[in-house]
């Protein structure tokens, strides 16, 4: 009996093991089936297409959007003063009169500008001041105009004298002399080495004009 029970127990164990293996195989088969079905249900992943690289337009250089303002350049025109032409007068050149030549040569250029303006219309500059003054030989007038001037100067202050009108160079020279100060007129008297002149401005101006 005991052997019989052992055989039955062995067969029972074998059946149990066989059933267990079958059960495990069935479970494995189901897992494989489920996995395949689930994979089939999943949609296939779309492959991402690589985007072509955007090409940037080539520019020769950075272009500014600001408007460029046109620059107006100033052109400076420097006028060169024309050279003074010393006209021939009725007398001797000042450089030919020793005392006058010495007085002008020893005087500073700045102090001679007033006289230069009276005789030539502008103060002058540099070496031309003394050069022009020493070359001066009297106002560029005719002998008739010179006589007219002497008569006009003698008639100054005399009652009943006819009025004489001066024009041209004489008129301009008289006007320039009257625009000078007494000190400037007296300096001209010294330069021209004049010993006789009046006490007021008119007399001094007349003495200078008579010499010119």
C-alpha atoms as a PDB file:
ATOM      1  CA  UNK A   1       0.000   0.000   0.000  1.00  0.00           C
ATOM      2  CA  UNK A   2       2.713   2.357   0.848  1.00  0.00           C
ATOM      3  CA  UNK A   3       4.369   1.778  -2.506  1.00  0.00           C
ATOM      4  CA  UNK A   4       1.069   2.345  -4.226  1.00  0.00           C
ATOM      5  CA  UNK A   5       0.600   5.647  -2.444  1.00  0.00           C
ATOM      6  CA  UNK A   6       4.094   6.693  -3.359  1.00  0.00           C
ATOM      7  CA  UNK A   7       3.412   5.980  -7.014  1.00  0.00           C
ATOM      8  CA  UNK A   8       0.170   7.950  -6.894  1.00  0.00           C
ATOM      9  CA  UNK A   9       1.891  10.806  -5.178  1.00  0.00           C
ATOM     10  CA  UNK A  10       4.652  10.816  -7.779  1.00  0.00           C
ATOM     11  CA  UNK A  11       2.160  10.796 -10.593  1.00  0.00           C
ATOM     12  CA  UNK A  12       0.231  13.576  -8.881  1.00  0.00           C
ATOM     13  CA  UNK A  13       3.359  15.655  -8.535  1.00  0.00           C
ATOM     14  CA  UNK A  14       4.244  15.046 -12.168  1.00  0.00           C
ATOM     15  CA  UNK A  15       0.762  16.080 -13.285  1.00  0.00           C
ATOM     16  CA  UNK A  16       0.981  19.176 -11.168  1.00  0.00           C
ATOM     17  CA  UNK A  17       4.342  20.101 -12.641  1.00  0.00           C
ATOM     18  CA  UNK A  18       3.064  19.380 -16.147  1.00  0.00           C
ATOM     19  CA  UNK A  19      -0.009  21.528 -15.547  1.00  0.00           C
ATOM     20  CA  UNK A  20       2.154  24.279 -14.165  1.00  0.00           C
ATOM     21  CA  UNK A  21       4.450  24.253 -17.186  1.00  0.00           C
ATOM     22  CA  UNK A  22       1.422  24.293 -19.536  1.00  0.00           C
ATOM     23  CA  UNK A  23       0.001  27.217 -17.602  1.00  0.00           C
ATOM     24  CA  UNK A  24       3.276  29.091 -17.838  1.00  0.00           C
ATOM     25  CA  UNK A  25       3.511  28.429 -21.575  1.00  0.00           C
ATOM     26  CA  UNK A  26      -0.017  29.691 -22.061  1.00  0.00           C
ATOM     27  CA  UNK A  27       0.778  32.837 -20.082  1.00  0.00           C
ATOM     28  CA  UNK A  28       3.929  33.448 -22.135  1.00  0.00           C
ATOM     29  CA  UNK A  29       1.964  32.949 -25.351  1.00  0.00           C
ATOM     30  CA  UNK A  30      -0.684  35.428 -24.215  1.00  0.00           C
ATOM     31  CA  UNK A  31       2.013  37.968 -23.335  1.00  0.00           C
ATOM     32  CA  UNK A  32       3.560  37.615 -26.761  1.00  0.00           C
ATOM     33  CA  UNK A  33       0.140  37.919 -28.406  1.00  0.00           C
ATOM     34  CA  UNK A  34      -0.743  41.023 -26.325  1.00  0.00           C
ATOM     35  CA  UNK A  35       2.607  42.642 -27.039  1.00  0.00           C
ATOM     36  CA  UNK A  36       2.241  42.094 -30.777  1.00  0.00           C
ATOM     37  CA  UNK A  37      -1.305  43.422 -30.722  1.00  0.00           C
ATOM     38  CA  UNK A  38      -0.352  46.493 -28.745  1.00  0.00           C
ATOM     39  CA  UNK A  39       2.570  47.184 -31.069  1.00  0.00           C
ATOM     40  CA  UNK A  40       0.236  46.830 -34.028  1.00  0.00           C
ATOM     41  CA  UNK A  41      -2.233  49.299 -32.502  1.00  0.00           C
ATOM     42  CA  UNK A  42       0.499  51.938 -31.964  1.00  0.00           C
ATOM     43  CA  UNK A  43       0.779  54.310 -34.921  1.00  0.00           C
ATOM     44  CA  UNK A  44       4.116  54.331 -36.646  1.00  0.00           C
ATOM     45  CA  UNK A  45       6.261  57.281 -35.704  1.00  0.00           C
ATOM     46  CA  UNK A  46       6.690  59.821 -38.493  1.00  0.00           C
ATOM     47  CA  UNK A  47      10.211  60.523 -39.420  1.00  0.00           C
ATOM     48  CA  UNK A  48      10.982  64.203 -39.106  1.00  0.00           C
ATOM     49  CA  UNK A  49      12.236  65.684 -42.313  1.00  0.00           C
ATOM     50  CA  UNK A  50      15.276  67.853 -41.954  1.00  0.00           C
ATOM     51  CA  UNK A  51      14.480  71.470 -42.807  1.00  0.00           C
ATOM     52  CA  UNK A  52      16.689  72.938 -45.471  1.00  0.00           C
ATOM     53  CA  UNK A  53      19.017  75.604 -44.122  1.00  0.00           C
ATOM     54  CA  UNK A  54      17.719  79.066 -44.840  1.00  0.00           C
ATOM     55  CA  UNK A  55      20.075  80.921 -47.088  1.00  0.00           C
ATOM     56  CA  UNK A  56      20.689  84.513 -46.045  1.00  0.00           C
ATOM     57  CA  UNK A  57      21.161  86.997 -48.862  1.00  0.00           C
ATOM     58  CA  UNK A  58      24.702  88.217 -49.147  1.00  0.00           C
ATOM     59  CA  UNK A  59      25.071  91.901 -48.619  1.00  0.00           C
ATOM     60  CA  UNK A  60      28.184  93.803 -49.622  1.00  0.00           C
ATOM     61  CA  UNK A  61      28.126  95.790 -46.405  1.00  0.00           C
ATOM     62  CA  UNK A  62      25.930  97.193 -43.710  1.00  0.00           C
ATOM     63  CA  UNK A  63      23.564  99.710 -45.185  1.00  0.00           C
ATOM     64  CA  UNK A  64      22.372 102.555 -42.981  1.00  0.00           C
ATOM     65  CA  UNK A  65      18.767 103.699 -43.178  1.00  0.00           C
ATOM     66  CA  UNK A  66      19.694 107.249 -42.088  1.00  0.00           C
ATOM     67  CA  UNK A  67      19.616 109.913 -44.720  1.00  0.00           C
ATOM     68  CA  UNK A  68      22.979 111.385 -45.461  1.00  0.00           C
ATOM     69  CA  UNK A  69      23.033 115.138 -45.244  1.00  0.00           C
ATOM     70  CA  UNK A  70      24.947 116.976 -47.868  1.00  0.00           C
ATOM     71  CA  UNK A  71      27.693 119.052 -46.312  1.00  0.00           C
ATOM     72  CA  UNK A  72      28.015 122.498 -47.764  1.00  0.00           C
ATOM     73  CA  UNK A  73      31.628 123.543 -47.715  1.00  0.00           C
ATOM     74  CA  UNK A  74      32.391 127.177 -47.422  1.00  0.00           C
ATOM     75  CA  UNK A  75      34.868 128.519 -49.857  1.00  0.00           C
ATOM     76  CA  UNK A  76      36.793 131.511 -48.646  1.00  0.00           C
ATOM     77  CA  UNK A  77      37.880 133.968 -51.236  1.00  0.00           C
ATOM     78  CA  UNK A  78      40.748 136.103 -50.069  1.00  0.00           C
ATOM     79  CA  UNK A  79      41.095 139.229 -52.069  1.00  0.00           C
ATOM     80  CA  UNK A  80      44.640 140.360 -52.513  1.00  0.00           C
ATOM     81  CA  UNK A  81      44.812 144.157 -52.351  1.00  0.00           C
ATOM     82  CA  UNK A  82      45.898 145.681 -55.598  1.00  0.00           C
ATOM     83  CA  UNK A  83      49.296 147.303 -55.682  1.00  0.00           C
ATOM     84  CA  UNK A  84      49.162 151.065 -55.344  1.00  0.00           C
ATOM     85  CA  UNK A  85      50.439 152.989 -58.290  1.00  0.00           C
ATOM     86  CA  UNK A  86      51.915 156.283 -57.105  1.00  0.00           C
ATOM     87  CA  UNK A  87      50.907 158.916 -59.641  1.00  0.00           C
ATOM     88  CA  UNK A  88      53.238 161.709 -60.631  1.00  0.00           C
ATOM     89  CA  UNK A  89      52.525 165.013 -58.926  1.00  0.00           C
ATOM     90  CA  UNK A  90      53.640 168.603 -59.573  1.00  0.00           C
ATOM     91  CA  UNK A  91      56.454 168.622 -56.977  1.00  0.00           C
ATOM     92  CA  UNK A  92      59.495 166.678 -55.855  1.00  0.00           C
ATOM     93  CA  UNK A  93      59.357 163.212 -54.357  1.00  0.00           C
ATOM     94  CA  UNK A  94      59.433 163.218 -50.581  1.00  0.00           C
ATOM     95  CA  UNK A  95      62.550 161.036 -50.577  1.00  0.00           C
ATOM     96  CA  UNK A  96      64.307 163.852 -52.454  1.00  0.00           C
ATOM     97  CA  UNK A  97      63.667 166.279 -49.588  1.00  0.00           C
ATOM     98  CA  UNK A  98      66.336 165.365 -46.965  1.00  0.00           C
ATOM     99  CA  UNK A  99      64.476 166.424 -43.834  1.00  0.00           C
ATOM    100  CA  UNK A 100      61.180 164.857 -44.928  1.00  0.00           C
ATOM    101  CA  UNK A 101      62.931 161.648 -45.984  1.00  0.00           C
ATOM    102  CA  UNK A 102      64.627 161.450 -42.579  1.00  0.00           C
ATOM    103  CA  UNK A 103      61.402 162.107 -40.650  1.00  0.00           C
ATOM    104  CA  UNK A 104      59.407 159.442 -42.517  1.00  0.00           C
ATOM    105  CA  UNK A 105      62.219 156.874 -42.335  1.00  0.00           C
ATOM    106  CA  UNK A 106      62.528 157.305 -38.548  1.00  0.00           C
ATOM    107  CA  UNK A 107      58.787 157.075 -37.881  1.00  0.00           C
ATOM    108  CA  UNK A 108      57.046 153.798 -37.023  1.00  0.00           C
ATOM    109  CA  UNK A 109      54.821 152.312 -39.705  1.00  0.00           C
ATOM    110  CA  UNK A 110      51.752 152.360 -37.464  1.00  0.00           C
ATOM    111  CA  UNK A 111      52.091 156.125 -37.028  1.00  0.00           C
ATOM    112  CA  UNK A 112      52.214 156.644 -40.808  1.00  0.00           C
ATOM    113  CA  UNK A 113      48.962 154.852 -41.652  1.00  0.00           C
ATOM    114  CA  UNK A 114      46.806 157.963 -41.280  1.00  0.00           C
ATOM    115  CA  UNK A 115      48.920 159.937 -43.746  1.00  0.00           C
ATOM    116  CA  UNK A 116      48.961 156.963 -46.124  1.00  0.00           C
ATOM    117  CA  UNK A 117      45.154 156.817 -45.978  1.00  0.00           C
ATOM    118  CA  UNK A 118      44.868 160.516 -46.783  1.00  0.00           C
ATOM    119  CA  UNK A 119      47.173 160.261 -49.815  1.00  0.00           C
ATOM    120  CA  UNK A 120      46.247 156.816 -51.194  1.00  0.00           C
ATOM    121  CA  UNK A 121      42.823 155.953 -49.826  1.00  0.00           C
ATOM    122  CA  UNK A 122      43.844 153.091 -47.518  1.00  0.00           C
ATOM    123  CA  UNK A 123      46.150 152.692 -44.485  1.00  0.00           C
ATOM    124  CA  UNK A 124      48.541 150.311 -46.235  1.00  0.00           C
ATOM    125  CA  UNK A 125      50.608 147.537 -44.686  1.00  0.00           C
ATOM    126  CA  UNK A 126      54.190 146.382 -44.337  1.00  0.00           C
ATOM    127  CA  UNK A 127      56.958 147.959 -46.335  1.00  0.00           C
ATOM    128  CA  UNK A 128      54.563 149.551 -48.828  1.00  0.00           C
ATOM    129  CA  UNK A 129      53.697 152.347 -46.379  1.00  0.00           C
ATOM    130  CA  UNK A 130      57.087 154.058 -46.310  1.00  0.00           C
ATOM    131  CA  UNK A 131      57.822 153.106 -49.910  1.00  0.00           C
ATOM    132  CA  UNK A 132      54.669 154.786 -51.203  1.00  0.00           C
ATOM    133  CA  UNK A 133      55.045 157.872 -48.987  1.00  0.00           C
ATOM    134  CA  UNK A 134      58.641 158.487 -50.053  1.00  0.00           C
ATOM    135  CA  UNK A 135      57.616 158.137 -53.727  1.00  0.00           C
ATOM    136  CA  UNK A 136      54.836 160.717 -53.332  1.00  0.00           C
ATOM    137  CA  UNK A 137      55.464 163.919 -55.315  1.00  0.00           C
ATOM    138  CA  UNK A 138      52.265 165.844 -54.780  1.00  0.00           C
ATOM    139  CA  UNK A 139      48.585 165.327 -55.522  1.00  0.00           C
ATOM    140  CA  UNK A 140      47.897 164.138 -59.100  1.00  0.00           C
ATOM    141  CA  UNK A 141      46.306 167.371 -60.230  1.00  0.00           C
ATOM    142  CA  UNK A 142      46.918 169.790 -63.081  1.00  0.00           C
ATOM    143  CA  UNK A 143      48.596 173.174 -62.686  1.00  0.00           C
ATOM    144  CA  UNK A 144      45.239 174.846 -63.167  1.00  0.00           C
ATOM    145  CA  UNK A 145      43.773 172.834 -60.300  1.00  0.00           C
ATOM    146  CA  UNK A 146      46.816 173.693 -58.192  1.00  0.00           C
ATOM    147  CA  UNK A 147      46.294 177.414 -58.761  1.00  0.00           C
ATOM    148  CA  UNK A 148      42.643 177.011 -57.953  1.00  0.00           C
ATOM    149  CA  UNK A 149      43.548 175.387 -54.637  1.00  0.00           C
ATOM    150  CA  UNK A 150      45.977 178.191 -53.674  1.00  0.00           C
ATOM    151  CA  UNK A 151      43.336 180.823 -54.417  1.00  0.00           C
ATOM    152  CA  UNK A 152      40.782 178.923 -52.339  1.00  0.00           C
ATOM    153  CA  UNK A 153      43.174 178.665 -49.386  1.00  0.00           C
ATOM    154  CA  UNK A 154      44.055 182.353 -49.486  1.00  0.00           C
ATOM    155  CA  UNK A 155      40.415 183.291 -49.576  1.00  0.00           C
ATOM    156  CA  UNK A 156      39.631 181.369 -46.408  1.00  0.00           C
ATOM    157  CA  UNK A 157      38.445 183.801 -43.723  1.00  0.00           C
ATOM    158  CA  UNK A 158      38.443 186.798 -46.037  1.00  0.00           C
ATOM    159  CA  UNK A 159      35.223 188.758 -46.341  1.00  0.00           C
ATOM    160  CA  UNK A 160      33.752 189.167 -49.798  1.00  0.00           C
ATOM    161  CA  UNK A 161      35.951 186.435 -51.316  1.00  0.00           C
ATOM    162  CA  UNK A 162      34.407 184.355 -54.033  1.00  0.00           C
ATOM    163  CA  UNK A 163      33.561 180.829 -53.019  1.00  0.00           C
ATOM    164  CA  UNK A 164      35.631 178.276 -54.923  1.00  0.00           C
ATOM    165  CA  UNK A 165      34.345 174.746 -55.305  1.00  0.00           C
ATOM    166  CA  UNK A 166      36.899 171.963 -55.292  1.00  0.00           C
ATOM    167  CA  UNK A 167      36.173 168.638 -56.945  1.00  0.00           C
ATOM    168  CA  UNK A 168      37.852 165.345 -57.781  1.00  0.00           C
ATOM    169  CA  UNK A 169      41.068 164.540 -55.942  1.00  0.00           C
ATOM    170  CA  UNK A 170      41.175 167.909 -54.157  1.00  0.00           C
ATOM    171  CA  UNK A 171      37.686 167.514 -52.752  1.00  0.00           C
ATOM    172  CA  UNK A 172      38.416 164.004 -51.455  1.00  0.00           C
ATOM    173  CA  UNK A 173      41.757 165.067 -49.938  1.00  0.00           C
ATOM    174  CA  UNK A 174      40.206 168.046 -48.138  1.00  0.00           C
ATOM    175  CA  UNK A 175      37.493 165.778 -46.724  1.00  0.00           C
ATOM    176  CA  UNK A 176      40.055 163.240 -45.468  1.00  0.00           C
ATOM    177  CA  UNK A 177      42.125 165.952 -43.787  1.00  0.00           C
ATOM    178  CA  UNK A 178      39.095 167.348 -41.986  1.00  0.00           C
ATOM    179  CA  UNK A 179      38.321 163.838 -40.713  1.00  0.00           C
ATOM    180  CA  UNK A 180      41.720 163.724 -38.967  1.00  0.00           C
ATOM    181  CA  UNK A 181      42.279 164.815 -35.388  1.00  0.00           C
ATOM    182  CA  UNK A 182      44.397 167.849 -34.512  1.00  0.00           C
ATOM    183  CA  UNK A 183      47.139 165.524 -33.184  1.00  0.00           C
ATOM    184  CA  UNK A 184      47.235 163.625 -36.486  1.00  0.00           C
ATOM    185  CA  UNK A 185      47.409 166.873 -38.485  1.00  0.00           C
ATOM    186  CA  UNK A 186      50.242 168.181 -36.312  1.00  0.00           C
ATOM    187  CA  UNK A 187      52.167 164.951 -36.876  1.00  0.00           C
ATOM    188  CA  UNK A 188      51.862 165.570 -40.647  1.00  0.00           C
ATOM    189  CA  UNK A 189      53.234 169.074 -40.093  1.00  0.00           C
ATOM    190  CA  UNK A 190      56.233 167.531 -38.324  1.00  0.00           C
ATOM    191  CA  UNK A 191      56.795 164.921 -41.071  1.00  0.00           C
ATOM    192  CA  UNK A 192      56.700 167.587 -43.793  1.00  0.00           C
ATOM    193  CA  UNK A 193      58.985 169.852 -41.756  1.00  0.00           C
ATOM    194  CA  UNK A 194      56.561 172.774 -41.943  1.00  0.00           C
ATOM    195  CA  UNK A 195      57.454 175.737 -39.736  1.00  0.00           C
ATOM    196  CA  UNK A 196      54.428 177.935 -40.341  1.00  0.00           C
ATOM    197  CA  UNK A 197      50.999 176.662 -39.430  1.00  0.00           C
ATOM    198  CA  UNK A 198      47.967 178.010 -37.644  1.00  0.00           C
ATOM    199  CA  UNK A 199      46.710 177.388 -34.148  1.00  0.00           C
ATOM    200  CA  UNK A 200      43.333 175.778 -34.846  1.00  0.00           C
ATOM    201  CA  UNK A 201      42.382 172.670 -36.797  1.00  0.00           C
ATOM    202  CA  UNK A 202      41.401 174.497 -39.984  1.00  0.00           C
ATOM    203  CA  UNK A 203      44.705 176.382 -40.158  1.00  0.00           C
ATOM    204  CA  UNK A 204      46.725 173.212 -39.608  1.00  0.00           C
ATOM    205  CA  UNK A 205      44.711 171.354 -42.257  1.00  0.00           C
ATOM    206  CA  UNK A 206      45.215 174.203 -44.743  1.00  0.00           C
ATOM    207  CA  UNK A 207      48.982 174.184 -44.137  1.00  0.00           C
ATOM    208  CA  UNK A 208      49.172 170.445 -44.877  1.00  0.00           C
ATOM    209  CA  UNK A 209      46.928 170.790 -47.937  1.00  0.00           C
ATOM    210  CA  UNK A 210      49.051 173.642 -49.300  1.00  0.00           C
ATOM    211  CA  UNK A 211      52.176 171.492 -49.021  1.00  0.00           C
ATOM    212  CA  UNK A 212      50.493 168.552 -50.734  1.00  0.00           C
END
